[in-house]
């Protein structure tokens, strides 16, 4: 019996270095804000919001000098409420596993942001805040900026500052359904080098997806004119065909062109002023909207930052967009038909 116990103990001790070979890290983000929101009509209140806060694990394992396995498990967690929209306390964000070859690129499978979604990154000055560009770029139920299930993605190696991403979502839902065409294709070409960062993306979703058939083109860029000043630009065109349940009005409302420009100026090493203007031109009559955002952000250190923003969406008579809808728990007010909806926010973001 003693010999068996000794053998088990030795075997366990020998297994520890094998586990240690995997480089695994725990990370997260606590992002909260206090917001004063006014839809221009009946709602005018102060809210506390959790803004895409998250917890995750990620790691990699070197198989040989040229081949590496990697994974990530990430969950949304809310710091202000018990759940999100009546759901569970956690919601799956970018979660995947894959292999990376230094010469051939990376292949990953799981649920994660599409290349089309990631492509807004260079111009995304107010991500997960009041004034996020997705309040215009992702408007309507025919939305893009998605995190697709059941996805396979290939990422090329970076050559001369360029890389490309090609993702294919095989089907929507937990399993494939016979005679259902709900797959999605998303791709992007990306560049980062010197003062320029830019992305060009295309995405197409088939007719049996829950929001119907749609496709879009997106371009985003950031250029550092000086060490202190960065200029950004964004353009997107979407065409929404819908499905059998979609009305012609819905198709016109969600078919749109959205574009804008903005800038970031560092007034001190850790303090920046930001501003952006965007407009959404819908195919439907009198359904356009403009958004202005100004803000200031101060980094207390590499992990913690504070900010304050003021954002306004000016709606045409048949538009009801607000500047606080996306990526936030305080997001369920939409009574702004034909109104100016405004939000003022003071936020804290802690990355760990």
Foldseek 3Di string as FASTA:
>chain_A
DVVVVVVVVVVVVVCVVVVVQKAKDKWWKFKKWWKFWDLQPPDTDIDIKTFQTKIKMKIKHDPDPFKIKIWMWMWGATPPDCPFPPDHRIDTEDTWIWMQGQQFFIKIWFWYWFPVLCQQVQVQPQPRHQQGPCLQQQDDPLGDRGTAGGKMKTKGHQDPQKIKMKMKRQAHDDDDDPPAQFIKIKMKMWGDDDFKTKMKMKMWTDARHPFGTKIKIKIKMWGPPDPFKIKIKIKMFMQGPGYPPDDPQSRQLPGWIKIKMWMWGDPDPFKIKIKMKMKIGTSDPQFIKIKIKIKMKGAPDPFKIKMKMKMKIQGGQAYFGESNQPRMSPHPDTPNRRRIIMMIMIMMMGID
